[in-house]
Amino acid sequence: MKARRITFREKRVRGRPQEYAYFYETGIPRSILSVRLRRDIASDIIGSLGFNTSISWSKSGKTLVLGEGGEALFRLLAILASLNHCSKMPTPTAILVRFFREMGEYAMLFWYSEITKRYEWEGVRGVCRVVRAFRTLYRI
């Protein structure tokens, strides 16, 4: 069985190169979420969270593979990447990491499922609506 993975690719948006993260769930061949996220920001988040799971990068350095027990980290990275993508002024990573450490597992699962469901139905515009609700509710 394949592990959860995040692949980083460069994409041109309005003539400028941007780095996008494509999230792949176990057993699903297509990405469940595609949002703007730089590799260095993802590495900083993973380092500061301190999850106890096996994390490895591919030889090319473009794919992050999460091993067994990486479900919570995968969900958290998807939520953080969505927050980063849909914000004109991104909230500093340190504030978000501290906030997510206090967030419960059920709340994280709810927001993750809402984001992925809206991405499947409406694309990035639907994800940004969920992010706006998230920011309003938690006053971030």
N, C-alpha and C. Protein backbone atom coordinates (compact mmCIF):
# COMPACT_ATOMS: atom_id res chain seq x y z
N MET A 1 0.85 -1.18 0.00
CA MET A 1 0.00 0.00 0.00
C MET A 1 0.90 1.25 0.00
N LYS A 2 0.55 2.21 -0.84
CA LYS A 2 1.31 3.44 -0.93
C LYS A 2 0.99 4.36 0.24
N ALA A 3 1.98 5.11 0.64
CA ALA A 3 1.80 6.06 1.74
C ALA A 3 1.23 7.37 1.21
N ARG A 4 0.80 8.20 2.12
CA ARG A 4 0.35 9.55 1.74
C ARG A 4 1.56 10.33 1.28
N ARG A 5 1.37 11.14 0.25
CA ARG A 5 2.50 11.90 -0.25
C ARG A 5 2.08 13.28 -0.73
N ILE A 6 3.05 14.17 -0.73
CA ILE A 6 2.85 15.54 -1.21
C ILE A 6 3.94 15.79 -2.24
N THR A 7 3.52 16.12 -3.45
CA THR A 7 4.46 16.38 -4.53
C THR A 7 4.49 17.88 -4.81
N PHE A 8 5.68 18.44 -4.91
CA PHE A 8 5.85 19.87 -5.19
C PHE A 8 6.25 20.05 -6.64
N ARG A 9 5.52 20.91 -7.34
CA ARG A 9 5.82 21.21 -8.74
C ARG A 9 5.74 22.70 -8.97
N GLU A 10 6.52 23.14 -9.93
CA GLU A 10 6.49 24.56 -10.28
C GLU A 10 5.46 24.76 -11.38
N LYS A 11 4.70 25.83 -11.26
CA LYS A 11 3.63 26.14 -12.19
C LYS A 11 3.69 27.63 -12.49
N ARG A 12 3.45 28.01 -13.72
CA ARG A 12 3.45 29.42 -14.08
C ARG A 12 2.06 30.00 -13.89
N VAL A 13 1.98 31.05 -13.08
CA VAL A 13 0.73 31.75 -12.82
C VAL A 13 0.96 33.21 -13.17
N ARG A 14 0.20 33.70 -14.13
CA ARG A 14 0.35 35.07 -14.62
C ARG A 14 1.80 35.39 -15.00
N GLY A 15 2.44 34.43 -15.64
CA GLY A 15 3.80 34.62 -16.12
C GLY A 15 4.90 34.43 -15.10
N ARG A 16 4.54 34.24 -13.83
CA ARG A 16 5.54 34.07 -12.78
C ARG A 16 5.52 32.63 -12.28
N PRO A 17 6.69 32.05 -12.01
CA PRO A 17 6.71 30.68 -11.48
C PRO A 17 6.27 30.65 -10.01
N GLN A 18 5.41 29.73 -9.70
CA GLN A 18 4.92 29.52 -8.33
C GLN A 18 5.07 28.04 -8.01
N GLU A 19 5.33 27.73 -6.76
CA GLU A 19 5.45 26.33 -6.36
C GLU A 19 4.13 25.85 -5.77
N TYR A 20 3.62 24.76 -6.31
CA TYR A 20 2.34 24.19 -5.87
C TYR A 20 2.58 22.83 -5.22
N ALA A 21 1.76 22.53 -4.23
CA ALA A 21 1.80 21.23 -3.55
C ALA A 21 0.57 20.44 -3.97
N TYR A 22 0.80 19.22 -4.41
CA TYR A 22 -0.28 18.31 -4.79
C TYR A 22 -0.35 17.21 -3.74
N PHE A 23 -1.49 17.11 -3.08
CA PHE A 23 -1.69 16.15 -2.00
C PHE A 23 -2.33 14.88 -2.55
N TYR A 24 -1.70 13.73 -2.28
CA TYR A 24 -2.21 12.43 -2.74
C TYR A 24 -2.53 11.56 -1.53
N GLU A 25 -3.77 11.11 -1.48
CA GLU A 25 -4.23 10.22 -0.40
C GLU A 25 -3.86 8.78 -0.77
N THR A 26 -3.76 7.92 0.21
CA THR A 26 -3.44 6.52 -0.02
C THR A 26 -4.50 5.85 -0.88
N GLY A 27 -4.07 5.24 -1.98
CA GLY A 27 -4.97 4.48 -2.84
C GLY A 27 -5.76 5.29 -3.85
N ILE A 28 -5.57 6.61 -3.89
CA ILE A 28 -6.29 7.45 -4.84
C ILE A 28 -5.26 7.96 -5.86
N PRO A 29 -5.44 7.65 -7.15
CA PRO A 29 -4.42 8.00 -8.14
C PRO A 29 -4.31 9.49 -8.47
N ARG A 30 -5.38 10.26 -8.27
CA ARG A 30 -5.32 11.69 -8.59
C ARG A 30 -5.21 12.50 -7.30
N SER A 31 -4.73 13.74 -7.44
CA SER A 31 -4.54 14.55 -6.24
C SER A 31 -5.89 14.97 -5.65
N ILE A 32 -5.94 15.03 -4.33
CA ILE A 32 -7.18 15.44 -3.66
C ILE A 32 -7.18 16.93 -3.36
N LEU A 33 -6.00 17.56 -3.50
CA LEU A 33 -5.89 19.00 -3.23
C LEU A 33 -4.64 19.52 -3.94
N SER A 34 -4.76 20.68 -4.55
CA SER A 34 -3.63 21.33 -5.22
C SER A 34 -3.65 22.80 -4.85
N VAL A 35 -2.69 23.23 -4.04
CA VAL A 35 -2.63 24.62 -3.58
C VAL A 35 -1.19 25.10 -3.59
N ARG A 36 -1.03 26.42 -3.54
CA ARG A 36 0.30 27.03 -3.55
C ARG A 36 0.95 26.84 -2.18
N LEU A 37 2.13 26.23 -2.18
CA LEU A 37 2.90 26.03 -0.95
C LEU A 37 4.35 25.79 -1.33
N ARG A 38 5.24 26.55 -0.72
CA ARG A 38 6.66 26.36 -1.01
C ARG A 38 7.23 25.23 -0.15
N ARG A 39 8.22 24.55 -0.71
CA ARG A 39 8.85 23.43 -0.03
C ARG A 39 9.50 23.84 1.29
N ASP A 40 10.15 24.99 1.32
CA ASP A 40 10.82 25.42 2.54
C ASP A 40 9.84 25.71 3.66
N ILE A 41 8.67 26.25 3.33
CA ILE A 41 7.64 26.49 4.35
C ILE A 41 7.13 25.16 4.90
N ALA A 42 6.90 24.19 4.01
CA ALA A 42 6.45 22.86 4.46
C ALA A 42 7.49 22.22 5.38
N SER A 43 8.76 22.34 5.04
CA SER A 43 9.82 21.78 5.88
C SER A 43 9.87 22.45 7.26
N ASP A 44 9.71 23.77 7.28
CA ASP A 44 9.69 24.50 8.55
C ASP A 44 8.53 24.05 9.43
N ILE A 45 7.36 23.89 8.82
CA ILE A 45 6.18 23.47 9.57
C ILE A 45 6.38 22.07 10.16
N ILE A 46 6.89 21.17 9.34
CA ILE A 46 7.11 19.80 9.80
C ILE A 46 8.13 19.78 10.94
N GLY A 47 9.19 20.56 10.80
CA GLY A 47 10.22 20.61 11.84
C GLY A 47 9.71 21.19 13.15
N SER A 48 8.85 22.20 13.06
CA SER A 48 8.38 22.85 14.29
C SER A 48 7.25 22.08 14.97
N LEU A 49 6.56 21.23 14.24
CA LEU A 49 5.47 20.47 14.85
C LEU A 49 5.96 19.27 15.64
N GLY A 50 7.01 18.62 15.17
CA GLY A 50 7.58 17.50 15.90
C GLY A 50 6.68 16.28 15.96
N PHE A 51 6.05 15.91 14.85
CA PHE A 51 5.23 14.70 14.81
C PHE A 51 6.12 13.47 14.88
N ASN A 52 5.61 12.41 15.49
CA ASN A 52 6.35 11.17 15.63
C ASN A 52 5.93 10.21 14.53
N THR A 53 6.38 10.46 13.32
CA THR A 53 6.06 9.62 12.17
C THR A 53 7.25 9.60 11.23
N SER A 54 7.30 8.59 10.37
CA SER A 54 8.40 8.52 9.42
C SER A 54 8.12 9.45 8.24
N ILE A 55 9.05 10.35 8.00
CA ILE A 55 8.94 11.32 6.92
C ILE A 55 10.18 11.18 6.06
N SER A 56 9.98 11.08 4.75
CA SER A 56 11.14 10.99 3.87
C SER A 56 10.88 11.78 2.59
N TRP A 57 11.95 12.31 2.04
CA TRP A 57 11.90 13.03 0.77
C TRP A 57 12.40 12.10 -0.32
N SER A 58 11.87 12.27 -1.53
CA SER A 58 12.34 11.47 -2.66
C SER A 58 13.76 11.90 -3.04
N LYS A 59 14.41 11.15 -3.91
CA LYS A 59 15.77 11.48 -4.33
C LYS A 59 15.82 12.84 -5.03
N SER A 60 14.78 13.16 -5.78
CA SER A 60 14.75 14.45 -6.48
C SER A 60 14.44 15.61 -5.53
N GLY A 61 13.92 15.30 -4.34
CA GLY A 61 13.58 16.33 -3.37
C GLY A 61 12.25 17.01 -3.65
N LYS A 62 11.46 16.44 -4.54
CA LYS A 62 10.19 17.06 -4.92
C LYS A 62 8.97 16.38 -4.30
N THR A 63 9.16 15.22 -3.69
CA THR A 63 8.04 14.49 -3.11
C THR A 63 8.32 14.18 -1.65
N LEU A 64 7.36 14.53 -0.82
CA LEU A 64 7.42 14.25 0.61
C LEU A 64 6.52 13.05 0.88
N VAL A 65 7.08 11.99 1.46
CA VAL A 65 6.33 10.77 1.72
C VAL A 65 6.16 10.63 3.23
N LEU A 66 4.90 10.48 3.65
CA LEU A 66 4.58 10.30 5.06
C LEU A 66 4.27 8.84 5.31
N GLY A 67 4.96 8.24 6.25
CA GLY A 67 4.78 6.83 6.54
C GLY A 67 3.57 6.57 7.43
N GLU A 68 3.60 5.42 8.09
CA GLU A 68 2.52 5.04 9.00
C GLU A 68 2.37 6.08 10.11
N GLY A 69 1.16 6.39 10.44
CA GLY A 69 0.89 7.35 11.50
C GLY A 69 1.00 8.80 11.06
N GLY A 70 1.08 9.03 9.76
CA GLY A 70 1.22 10.39 9.27
C GLY A 70 -0.09 11.05 8.88
N GLU A 71 -1.22 10.45 9.27
CA GLU A 71 -2.52 10.99 8.87
C GLU A 71 -2.75 12.39 9.43
N ALA A 72 -2.46 12.58 10.70
CA ALA A 72 -2.70 13.88 11.33
C ALA A 72 -1.80 14.94 10.72
N LEU A 73 -0.55 14.62 10.46
CA LEU A 73 0.37 15.57 9.84
C LEU A 73 -0.08 15.91 8.42
N PHE A 74 -0.55 14.91 7.68
CA PHE A 74 -1.04 15.13 6.32
C PHE A 74 -2.23 16.08 6.32
N ARG A 75 -3.17 15.85 7.23
CA ARG A 75 -4.35 16.72 7.33
C ARG A 75 -3.94 18.14 7.71
N LEU A 76 -3.06 18.24 8.66
CA LEU A 76 -2.60 19.55 9.12
C LEU A 76 -1.91 20.33 8.02
N LEU A 77 -1.05 19.66 7.25
CA LEU A 77 -0.37 20.32 6.15
C LEU A 77 -1.36 20.77 5.06
N ALA A 78 -2.39 19.97 4.83
CA ALA A 78 -3.41 20.35 3.84
C ALA A 78 -4.16 21.61 4.29
N ILE A 79 -4.51 21.68 5.57
CA ILE A 79 -5.21 22.86 6.10
C ILE A 79 -4.30 24.08 6.05
N LEU A 80 -3.05 23.93 6.49
CA LEU A 80 -2.12 25.05 6.48
C LEU A 80 -1.82 25.53 5.07
N ALA A 81 -1.68 24.61 4.13
CA ALA A 81 -1.42 24.99 2.74
C ALA A 81 -2.62 25.74 2.17
N SER A 82 -3.82 25.32 2.52
CA SER A 82 -5.02 26.01 2.06
C SER A 82 -5.11 27.41 2.65
N LEU A 83 -4.78 27.54 3.93
CA LEU A 83 -4.77 28.85 4.57
C LEU A 83 -3.75 29.77 3.90
N ASN A 84 -2.60 29.21 3.59
CA ASN A 84 -1.55 29.99 2.94
C ASN A 84 -1.95 30.40 1.53
N HIS A 85 -2.59 29.51 0.81
CA HIS A 85 -2.98 29.77 -0.58
C HIS A 85 -4.05 30.85 -0.70
N CYS A 86 -5.00 30.83 0.18
CA CYS A 86 -6.18 31.70 0.06
C CYS A 86 -6.05 33.03 0.79
N SER A 87 -4.90 33.31 1.36
CA SER A 87 -4.74 34.55 2.11
C SER A 87 -3.87 35.54 1.35
N LYS A 88 -4.32 36.78 1.31
CA LYS A 88 -3.50 37.82 0.69
C LYS A 88 -2.28 38.12 1.56
N MET A 89 -2.51 38.17 2.85
CA MET A 89 -1.42 38.37 3.82
C MET A 89 -1.35 37.11 4.68
N PRO A 90 -0.49 36.16 4.34
CA PRO A 90 -0.44 34.92 5.12
C PRO A 90 -0.09 35.16 6.58
N THR A 91 -0.78 34.42 7.44
CA THR A 91 -0.50 34.48 8.88
C THR A 91 0.86 33.85 9.12
N PRO A 92 1.68 34.43 9.98
CA PRO A 92 3.00 33.83 10.26
C PRO A 92 2.87 32.37 10.69
N THR A 93 3.81 31.58 10.21
CA THR A 93 3.79 30.14 10.45
C THR A 93 3.81 29.81 11.94
N ALA A 94 4.55 30.55 12.72
CA ALA A 94 4.67 30.27 14.16
C ALA A 94 3.32 30.38 14.86
N ILE A 95 2.52 31.36 14.47
CA ILE A 95 1.19 31.54 15.08
C ILE A 95 0.29 30.36 14.70
N LEU A 96 0.33 29.95 13.44
CA LEU A 96 -0.51 28.83 12.99
C LEU A 96 -0.10 27.52 13.66
N VAL A 97 1.18 27.29 13.78
CA VAL A 97 1.66 26.05 14.41
C VAL A 97 1.21 25.99 15.86
N ARG A 98 1.33 27.10 16.58
CA ARG A 98 0.89 27.14 17.99
C ARG A 98 -0.61 26.90 18.08
N PHE A 99 -1.36 27.48 17.15
CA PHE A 99 -2.81 27.31 17.13
C PHE A 99 -3.20 25.86 16.87
N PHE A 100 -2.52 25.22 15.90
CA PHE A 100 -2.88 23.85 15.56
C PHE A 100 -2.45 22.84 16.61
N ARG A 101 -1.47 23.16 17.41
CA ARG A 101 -1.11 22.26 18.51
C ARG A 101 -2.25 22.16 19.52
N GLU A 102 -2.99 23.26 19.67
CA GLU A 102 -4.10 23.29 20.63
C GLU A 102 -5.41 22.79 20.03
N MET A 103 -5.47 22.69 18.72
CA MET A 103 -6.71 22.27 18.05
C MET A 103 -6.93 20.77 18.26
N GLY A 104 -8.17 20.39 18.45
CA GLY A 104 -8.50 19.00 18.66
C GLY A 104 -8.50 18.18 17.37
N GLU A 105 -8.42 16.88 17.54
CA GLU A 105 -8.37 15.97 16.38
C GLU A 105 -9.66 16.02 15.57
N TYR A 106 -10.81 16.14 16.24
CA TYR A 106 -12.08 16.17 15.52
C TYR A 106 -12.25 17.46 14.71
N ALA A 107 -11.82 18.57 15.27
CA ALA A 107 -11.89 19.84 14.54
C ALA A 107 -10.98 19.80 13.32
N MET A 108 -9.79 19.23 13.48
CA MET A 108 -8.87 19.13 12.36
C MET A 108 -9.43 18.23 11.27
N LEU A 109 -10.03 17.11 11.67
CA LEU A 109 -10.64 16.20 10.70
C LEU A 109 -11.80 16.87 9.96
N PHE A 110 -12.61 17.65 10.68
CA PHE A 110 -13.73 18.36 10.06
C PHE A 110 -13.24 19.33 9.00
N TRP A 111 -12.27 20.18 9.34
CA TRP A 111 -11.80 21.19 8.39
C TRP A 111 -11.09 20.55 7.21
N TYR A 112 -10.35 19.48 7.45
CA TYR A 112 -9.69 18.76 6.36
C TYR A 112 -10.71 18.20 5.39
N SER A 113 -11.74 17.56 5.92
CA SER A 113 -12.75 16.96 5.04
C SER A 113 -13.55 18.02 4.29
N GLU A 114 -13.81 19.16 4.93
CA GLU A 114 -14.50 20.26 4.24
C GLU A 114 -13.66 20.81 3.10
N ILE A 115 -12.38 20.99 3.34
CA ILE A 115 -11.48 21.53 2.31
C ILE A 115 -11.39 20.58 1.13
N THR A 116 -11.18 19.29 1.39
CA THR A 116 -11.04 18.35 0.28
C THR A 116 -12.35 18.16 -0.48
N LYS A 117 -13.47 18.18 0.25
CA LYS A 117 -14.77 18.04 -0.40
C LYS A 117 -15.04 19.24 -1.31
N ARG A 118 -14.78 20.44 -0.80
CA ARG A 118 -15.01 21.65 -1.60
C ARG A 118 -14.06 21.72 -2.79
N TYR A 119 -12.84 21.22 -2.63
CA TYR A 119 -11.90 21.22 -3.75
C TYR A 119 -12.42 20.30 -4.86
N GLU A 120 -12.96 19.17 -4.47
CA GLU A 120 -13.49 18.23 -5.45
C GLU A 120 -14.71 18.81 -6.17
N TRP A 121 -15.58 19.50 -5.45
CA TRP A 121 -16.81 20.03 -6.03
C TRP A 121 -16.62 21.34 -6.76
N GLU A 122 -15.88 22.29 -6.16
CA GLU A 122 -15.82 23.65 -6.69
C GLU A 122 -14.42 24.13 -7.04
N GLY A 123 -13.40 23.35 -6.77
CA GLY A 123 -12.04 23.78 -7.05
C GLY A 123 -11.50 24.70 -5.96
N VAL A 124 -10.52 25.50 -6.33
CA VAL A 124 -9.85 26.37 -5.36
C VAL A 124 -10.78 27.43 -4.81
N ARG A 125 -11.72 27.89 -5.59
CA ARG A 125 -12.66 28.90 -5.11
C ARG A 125 -13.46 28.37 -3.90
N GLY A 126 -13.88 27.13 -3.95
CA GLY A 126 -14.59 26.52 -2.82
C GLY A 126 -13.70 26.38 -1.60
N VAL A 127 -12.43 26.05 -1.83
CA VAL A 127 -11.47 25.95 -0.72
C VAL A 127 -11.32 27.30 -0.04
N CYS A 128 -11.26 28.37 -0.83
CA CYS A 128 -11.09 29.71 -0.24
C CYS A 128 -12.32 30.12 0.57
N ARG A 129 -13.48 29.65 0.20
CA ARG A 129 -14.69 29.92 1.00
C ARG A 129 -14.58 29.24 2.37
N VAL A 130 -14.12 28.01 2.38
CA VAL A 130 -13.95 27.29 3.64
C VAL A 130 -12.88 27.98 4.49
N VAL A 131 -11.81 28.41 3.87
CA VAL A 131 -10.73 29.10 4.60
C VAL A 131 -11.25 30.40 5.20
N ARG A 132 -12.09 31.11 4.47
CA ARG A 132 -12.67 32.35 5.01
C ARG A 132 -13.51 32.04 6.24
N ALA A 133 -14.30 30.97 6.20
CA ALA A 133 -15.11 30.57 7.36
C ALA A 133 -14.21 30.18 8.53
N PHE A 134 -13.13 29.46 8.24
CA PHE A 134 -12.18 29.05 9.27
C PHE A 134 -11.56 30.27 9.95
N ARG A 135 -11.10 31.24 9.16
CA ARG A 135 -10.48 32.44 9.71
C ARG A 135 -11.48 33.28 10.51
N THR A 136 -12.72 33.33 10.07
CA THR A 136 -13.74 34.08 10.77
C THR A 136 -14.06 33.42 12.11
N LEU A 137 -14.22 32.11 12.10
CA LEU A 137 -14.58 31.38 13.31
C LEU A 137 -13.49 31.47 14.37
N TYR A 138 -12.24 31.26 13.97
CA TYR A 138 -11.14 31.22 14.93
C TYR A 138 -10.41 32.56 15.08
N ARG A 139 -10.86 33.58 14.35
CA ARG A 139 -10.29 34.94 14.41
C ARG A 139 -8.79 34.93 14.19
N ILE A 140 -8.40 34.31 13.10
CA ILE A 140 -6.97 34.25 12.75
C ILE A 140 -6.71 35.33 11.71
